[in-house]
Amino acid sequence: MAMDPAEIARMIKEALPDASVEVEDYAGDGDHFRATIVSEAFRGKTRVQQHRLINDALAGKLGGDLHALTLQCSAPE
């Protein structure tokens, strides 16, 4: 079952309410997405720690409804 980019963004924003989130279905198939996320929650965290925050927010969807998600995470400048 394909996912909607707005649903992915909503799930991320539920976990990180301060986040600026942009999600793009770059393959046009509802399975391959690119997300750019800016949140203070990422400050001082390694890339792995940042990605874990997002993976936790999308628990139950990754590997199922959501096949691939490329992440670009950063703290606000």
N, C-alpha and C. Protein backbone atom coordinates (compact mmCIF):
# COMPACT_ATOMS: atom_id res chain seq x y z
N MET A 1 0.84 -1.18 0.00
CA MET A 1 0.00 0.00 0.00
C MET A 1 0.89 1.25 0.00
N ALA A 2 0.65 2.16 -0.92
CA ALA A 2 1.43 3.38 -1.04
C ALA A 2 1.09 4.36 0.08
N MET A 3 2.08 5.19 0.40
CA MET A 3 1.87 6.23 1.42
C MET A 3 1.79 7.59 0.75
N ASP A 4 1.15 8.51 1.44
CA ASP A 4 1.03 9.88 0.98
C ASP A 4 2.12 10.71 1.67
N PRO A 5 2.81 11.60 0.94
CA PRO A 5 3.84 12.43 1.57
C PRO A 5 3.31 13.24 2.77
N ALA A 6 2.07 13.68 2.70
CA ALA A 6 1.49 14.45 3.80
C ALA A 6 1.36 13.60 5.06
N GLU A 7 1.07 12.32 4.91
CA GLU A 7 0.97 11.41 6.06
C GLU A 7 2.33 11.22 6.71
N ILE A 8 3.38 11.09 5.90
CA ILE A 8 4.74 10.95 6.43
C ILE A 8 5.11 12.21 7.20
N ALA A 9 4.85 13.37 6.61
CA ALA A 9 5.16 14.65 7.27
C ALA A 9 4.38 14.77 8.58
N ARG A 10 3.12 14.38 8.59
CA ARG A 10 2.31 14.45 9.80
C ARG A 10 2.90 13.60 10.92
N MET A 11 3.32 12.39 10.59
CA MET A 11 3.89 11.49 11.59
C MET A 11 5.18 12.07 12.17
N ILE A 12 6.00 12.67 11.32
CA ILE A 12 7.25 13.26 11.79
C ILE A 12 6.95 14.46 12.68
N LYS A 13 6.01 15.30 12.27
CA LYS A 13 5.67 16.48 13.06
C LYS A 13 5.01 16.12 14.39
N GLU A 14 4.34 14.99 14.46
CA GLU A 14 3.80 14.54 15.76
C GLU A 14 4.93 14.25 16.74
N ALA A 15 6.01 13.67 16.24
CA ALA A 15 7.15 13.33 17.09
C ALA A 15 8.04 14.54 17.35
N LEU A 16 8.14 15.45 16.37
CA LEU A 16 9.00 16.63 16.48
C LEU A 16 8.16 17.86 16.12
N PRO A 17 7.35 18.35 17.06
CA PRO A 17 6.41 19.43 16.74
C PRO A 17 7.04 20.71 16.20
N ASP A 18 8.30 20.97 16.56
CA ASP A 18 8.95 22.20 16.09
C ASP A 18 9.53 22.06 14.67
N ALA A 19 9.47 20.87 14.12
CA ALA A 19 10.16 20.58 12.86
C ALA A 19 9.52 21.25 11.65
N SER A 20 10.40 21.64 10.75
CA SER A 20 10.00 22.04 9.41
C SER A 20 10.22 20.79 8.56
N VAL A 21 9.17 20.30 7.91
CA VAL A 21 9.25 19.01 7.21
C VAL A 21 8.77 19.17 5.77
N GLU A 22 9.59 18.72 4.83
CA GLU A 22 9.21 18.64 3.42
C GLU A 22 9.42 17.20 2.97
N VAL A 23 8.39 16.60 2.40
CA VAL A 23 8.48 15.22 1.94
C VAL A 23 8.11 15.19 0.47
N GLU A 24 8.94 14.52 -0.33
CA GLU A 24 8.74 14.42 -1.77
C GLU A 24 8.72 12.95 -2.19
N ASP A 25 7.76 12.58 -3.00
CA ASP A 25 7.70 11.25 -3.60
C ASP A 25 8.51 11.33 -4.89
N TYR A 26 9.83 11.11 -4.78
CA TYR A 26 10.71 11.38 -5.91
C TYR A 26 10.63 10.36 -7.04
N ALA A 27 10.09 9.19 -6.79
CA ALA A 27 9.93 8.19 -7.85
C ALA A 27 8.52 8.18 -8.41
N GLY A 28 7.60 8.85 -7.72
CA GLY A 28 6.22 8.91 -8.17
C GLY A 28 5.46 7.61 -7.99
N ASP A 29 5.98 6.73 -7.12
CA ASP A 29 5.36 5.41 -6.95
C ASP A 29 4.74 5.20 -5.57
N GLY A 30 4.80 6.21 -4.70
CA GLY A 30 4.25 6.06 -3.36
C GLY A 30 5.08 5.19 -2.44
N ASP A 31 6.28 4.82 -2.88
CA ASP A 31 7.16 3.95 -2.10
C ASP A 31 8.53 4.56 -1.80
N HIS A 32 8.95 5.53 -2.59
CA HIS A 32 10.30 6.09 -2.48
C HIS A 32 10.19 7.59 -2.22
N PHE A 33 10.62 8.00 -1.02
CA PHE A 33 10.45 9.39 -0.60
C PHE A 33 11.77 10.00 -0.18
N ARG A 34 11.81 11.32 -0.27
CA ARG A 34 12.93 12.12 0.20
C ARG A 34 12.35 13.13 1.19
N ALA A 35 12.92 13.20 2.38
CA ALA A 35 12.44 14.12 3.40
C ALA A 35 13.57 15.05 3.85
N THR A 36 13.24 16.33 3.93
CA THR A 36 14.15 17.33 4.47
C THR A 36 13.49 17.83 5.76
N ILE A 37 14.22 17.67 6.86
CA ILE A 37 13.66 17.97 8.18
C ILE A 37 14.63 18.86 8.94
N VAL A 38 14.11 19.97 9.45
CA VAL A 38 14.91 20.88 10.28
C VAL A 38 14.23 20.94 11.64
N SER A 39 15.00 20.60 12.68
CA SER A 39 14.44 20.60 14.03
C SER A 39 15.55 20.84 15.04
N GLU A 40 15.21 21.56 16.09
CA GLU A 40 16.16 21.79 17.18
C GLU A 40 16.53 20.46 17.85
N ALA A 41 15.67 19.47 17.75
CA ALA A 41 15.92 18.16 18.35
C ALA A 41 17.18 17.49 17.78
N PHE A 42 17.62 17.92 16.60
CA PHE A 42 18.80 17.32 15.97
C PHE A 42 20.12 17.93 16.46
N ARG A 43 20.05 19.08 17.10
CA ARG A 43 21.27 19.78 17.51
C ARG A 43 22.11 18.90 18.44
N GLY A 44 23.39 18.76 18.08
CA GLY A 44 24.33 17.99 18.90
C GLY A 44 24.23 16.48 18.73
N LYS A 45 23.33 16.03 17.87
CA LYS A 45 23.17 14.58 17.66
C LYS A 45 23.92 14.15 16.40
N THR A 46 24.39 12.91 16.43
CA THR A 46 25.03 12.35 15.24
C THR A 46 23.96 12.08 14.18
N ARG A 47 24.40 11.84 12.97
CA ARG A 47 23.46 11.52 11.89
C ARG A 47 22.64 10.27 12.22
N VAL A 48 23.29 9.28 12.81
CA VAL A 48 22.58 8.05 13.19
C VAL A 48 21.50 8.36 14.23
N GLN A 49 21.81 9.16 15.22
CA GLN A 49 20.84 9.54 16.25
C GLN A 49 19.68 10.33 15.64
N GLN A 50 19.98 11.21 14.70
CA GLN A 50 18.94 11.98 14.02
C GLN A 50 18.01 11.04 13.26
N HIS A 51 18.58 10.12 12.53
CA HIS A 51 17.77 9.19 11.73
C HIS A 51 16.94 8.27 12.62
N ARG A 52 17.47 7.90 13.78
CA ARG A 52 16.69 7.08 14.71
C ARG A 52 15.45 7.80 15.20
N LEU A 53 15.57 9.11 15.43
CA LEU A 53 14.40 9.90 15.84
C LEU A 53 13.30 9.80 14.78
N ILE A 54 13.69 9.89 13.52
CA ILE A 54 12.72 9.82 12.42
C ILE A 54 12.19 8.40 12.28
N ASN A 55 13.07 7.41 12.36
CA ASN A 55 12.63 6.02 12.27
C ASN A 55 11.63 5.69 13.37
N ASP A 56 11.87 6.19 14.57
CA ASP A 56 10.94 5.97 15.68
C ASP A 56 9.59 6.62 15.39
N ALA A 57 9.62 7.81 14.79
CA ALA A 57 8.38 8.52 14.46
C ALA A 57 7.55 7.76 13.43
N LEU A 58 8.24 7.00 12.58
CA LEU A 58 7.57 6.27 11.50
C LEU A 58 7.44 4.78 11.81
N ALA A 59 7.60 4.43 13.07
CA ALA A 59 7.53 3.02 13.48
C ALA A 59 6.28 2.35 12.93
N GLY A 60 6.47 1.16 12.43
CA GLY A 60 5.35 0.40 11.89
C GLY A 60 5.13 0.63 10.41
N LYS A 61 5.71 1.69 9.85
CA LYS A 61 5.54 1.99 8.43
C LYS A 61 6.78 1.63 7.62
N LEU A 62 7.96 1.85 8.21
CA LEU A 62 9.20 1.55 7.49
C LEU A 62 9.31 0.05 7.22
N GLY A 63 9.66 -0.28 6.00
CA GLY A 63 9.77 -1.68 5.64
C GLY A 63 8.44 -2.31 5.28
N GLY A 64 7.37 -1.57 5.47
CA GLY A 64 6.03 -2.05 5.11
C GLY A 64 5.44 -1.12 4.07
N ASP A 65 4.55 -0.24 4.52
CA ASP A 65 3.94 0.73 3.63
C ASP A 65 4.96 1.69 3.05
N LEU A 66 6.01 1.97 3.80
CA LEU A 66 7.05 2.90 3.39
C LEU A 66 8.31 2.12 3.06
N HIS A 67 8.60 1.99 1.77
CA HIS A 67 9.71 1.15 1.32
C HIS A 67 11.06 1.85 1.49
N ALA A 68 11.17 3.12 1.05
CA ALA A 68 12.45 3.81 1.09
C ALA A 68 12.25 5.28 1.44
N LEU A 69 13.10 5.76 2.35
CA LEU A 69 13.03 7.15 2.76
C LEU A 69 14.46 7.69 2.89
N THR A 70 14.80 8.65 2.06
CA THR A 70 16.09 9.33 2.14
C THR A 70 15.91 10.54 3.03
N LEU A 71 16.80 10.69 4.02
CA LEU A 71 16.65 11.76 5.00
C LEU A 71 17.76 12.80 4.88
N GLN A 72 17.37 14.05 4.99
CA GLN A 72 18.29 15.18 5.11
C GLN A 72 17.85 15.89 6.38
N CYS A 73 18.60 15.70 7.46
CA CYS A 73 18.24 16.25 8.77
C CYS A 73 19.23 17.33 9.18
N SER A 74 18.73 18.38 9.81
CA SER A 74 19.61 19.42 10.33
C SER A 74 18.91 20.19 11.43
N ALA A 75 19.73 20.87 12.24
CA ALA A 75 19.22 21.79 13.24
C ALA A 75 19.10 23.16 12.58
N PRO A 76 18.24 24.02 13.09
CA PRO A 76 18.12 25.37 12.51
C PRO A 76 19.45 26.13 12.63
N GLU A 77 19.69 26.98 11.66
CA GLU A 77 20.94 27.78 11.69
C GLU A 77 20.78 28.98 12.57
